[in-house]
Structures are given as C-alpha cells and as structure tokens.
C-alpha cells in the first residue's frame, strides 16, 4: 500500500502591523479614495511605495495636510502593493504583561 504524503496547509493571519509614522501625506486617487504611501520598507512585509488605504478614525489634520496618526495599525492586502487599514486595533501582548508587573511593583 502506497503512503500518501500529507502536507499541512499554513495560512497567514489576515492582519499584520504597520506604523503610522512610516507613511506619507494622505492624497486622493482618481476615484477620490484616500491613500498614503509607505515611506520605508517594514519588517511586516510592506515595501517603500506600497499604498495604504486609511480608515477615517486614523486620519489627522496638520496645517491643512492630512496624515495617518502615529501608532501601530493592522492592515490586510487588497491587491498587489495595495493594503487596507483595519478597524481592529493592533494589540501587543507584551504591553499588558509589562503594565501588570509595573503595577505589582508599586509603579503606575
């Protein structure tokens, strides 16, 4: 009896992290949809020049120009070099551990 090779299918999580400070000014495409370009390649797979489609809650206005507010955000790929920000906030599991240990040491 021949044995069949079983391969485990791995799937990538639908969301990855990017940092708001790593994006340029928000502009509008020919359809009027807002976007920002990634200024530097990231460890999470985004390349310089990739497009991020921002969510309204992450847009800030600075002297008449709009930018993605600083912070960590999730994104998902919608097409080649084109990504959509997620409403799901990025959570760093280590932050809560650090906060709890600091509170136990009398620090707030």
Protein backbone atom coordinates (compact mmCIF):
# COMPACT_ATOMS: atom_id res chain seq x y z
CA UNK A 1 0.00 0.00 0.00
CA UNK A 2 1.48 3.36 -1.04
CA UNK A 3 1.67 6.04 1.58
CA UNK A 4 0.38 9.47 0.79
CA UNK A 5 2.36 12.50 1.77
CA UNK A 6 0.28 14.79 3.92
CA UNK A 7 1.14 18.46 3.70
CA UNK A 8 0.00 20.86 6.33
CA UNK A 9 -1.62 23.93 4.83
CA UNK A 10 -0.49 27.05 6.61
CA UNK A 11 -2.39 30.28 6.35
CA UNK A 12 -1.11 33.74 7.03
CA UNK A 13 -3.11 35.81 9.50
CA UNK A 14 -5.31 38.30 7.66
CA UNK A 15 -3.81 41.24 9.51
CA UNK A 16 -0.28 42.49 10.01
CA UNK A 17 1.15 45.56 11.72
CA UNK A 18 2.42 48.85 10.32
CA UNK A 19 3.36 52.12 11.97
CA UNK A 20 1.54 55.35 11.12
CA UNK A 21 4.74 57.41 11.24
CA UNK A 22 6.05 55.35 8.31
CA UNK A 23 3.56 56.84 5.83
CA UNK A 24 3.43 60.00 3.74
CA UNK A 25 0.72 62.61 3.32
CA UNK A 26 -2.76 61.33 2.51
CA UNK A 27 -3.79 62.04 -1.08
CA UNK A 28 -6.78 61.01 -3.22
CA UNK A 29 -6.71 58.70 -6.22
CA UNK A 30 -8.61 59.36 -9.48
CA UNK A 31 -11.75 57.86 -7.89
CA UNK A 32 -11.49 60.22 -4.90
CA UNK A 33 -10.46 57.48 -2.44
CA UNK A 34 -7.81 58.46 0.15
CA UNK A 35 -4.43 56.74 0.25
CA UNK A 36 -0.95 57.18 1.71
CA UNK A 37 2.34 55.77 0.51
CA UNK A 38 4.72 53.75 2.67
CA UNK A 39 7.96 55.76 3.02
CA UNK A 40 10.26 52.91 4.13
CA UNK A 41 10.07 49.13 3.81
CA UNK A 42 8.94 47.42 7.01
CA UNK A 43 9.68 44.14 8.77
CA UNK A 44 6.00 43.24 8.28
CA UNK A 45 6.24 42.96 4.50
CA UNK A 46 5.29 46.44 3.32
CA UNK A 47 7.66 47.90 0.74
CA UNK A 48 8.54 51.53 0.08
CA UNK A 49 5.90 52.89 -2.33
CA UNK A 50 3.12 50.47 -1.31
CA UNK A 51 -0.32 52.06 -0.88
CA UNK A 52 -2.26 52.12 2.40
CA UNK A 53 -5.99 52.93 2.37
CA UNK A 54 -6.64 54.66 5.73
CA UNK A 55 -9.69 54.41 7.96
CA UNK A 56 -11.33 57.70 8.99
CA UNK A 57 -10.56 57.30 12.69
CA UNK A 58 -6.79 57.22 12.00
CA UNK A 59 -6.61 60.41 9.89
CA UNK A 60 -5.30 63.61 11.46
CA UNK A 61 -5.16 67.09 10.02
CA UNK A 62 -1.92 69.06 10.37
CA UNK A 63 -1.72 72.56 8.90
CA UNK A 64 -4.17 71.68 6.12
CA UNK A 65 -2.45 68.39 5.21
CA UNK A 66 -3.81 65.02 6.24
CA UNK A 67 -1.70 62.19 7.64
CA UNK A 68 -2.20 58.80 9.27
CA UNK A 69 -1.95 59.35 13.01
CA UNK A 70 1.12 57.88 14.70
CA UNK A 71 0.66 54.45 16.24
CA UNK A 72 0.52 50.77 15.36
CA UNK A 73 -2.21 49.61 12.98
CA UNK A 74 -3.35 46.40 11.38
CA UNK A 75 -3.74 46.06 7.63
CA UNK A 76 -4.82 43.46 5.12
CA UNK A 77 -3.79 43.09 1.48
CA UNK A 78 -6.46 44.01 -1.09
CA UNK A 79 -4.32 43.76 -4.24
CA UNK A 80 -0.68 43.89 -5.31
CA UNK A 81 1.04 46.73 -3.39
CA UNK A 82 -2.36 47.92 -2.10
CA UNK A 83 -3.42 47.48 1.54
CA UNK A 84 -6.46 48.44 3.66
CA UNK A 85 -6.17 49.55 7.27
CA UNK A 86 -8.29 47.58 9.70
CA UNK A 87 -10.67 48.85 12.38
CA UNK A 88 -9.25 46.11 14.60
CA UNK A 89 -6.55 47.77 16.74
CA UNK A 90 -3.09 46.27 16.91
CA UNK A 91 -2.51 44.72 20.34
CA UNK A 92 0.91 43.98 21.70
CA UNK A 93 0.53 41.12 24.19
CA UNK A 94 3.75 42.16 25.94
CA UNK A 95 2.33 45.60 26.87
CA UNK A 96 -0.27 44.18 29.25
CA UNK A 97 2.36 41.93 30.89
CA UNK A 98 4.67 44.92 31.45
CA UNK A 99 1.83 47.05 32.84
CA UNK A 100 0.74 44.32 35.26
CA UNK A 101 4.28 43.76 36.53
CA UNK A 102 4.81 47.51 37.00
CA UNK A 103 1.56 47.80 38.96
CA UNK A 104 2.67 44.95 41.21
CA UNK A 105 5.89 46.85 41.96
CA UNK A 106 4.01 49.95 43.10
CA UNK A 107 4.54 51.82 39.82
CA UNK A 108 1.63 53.40 37.99
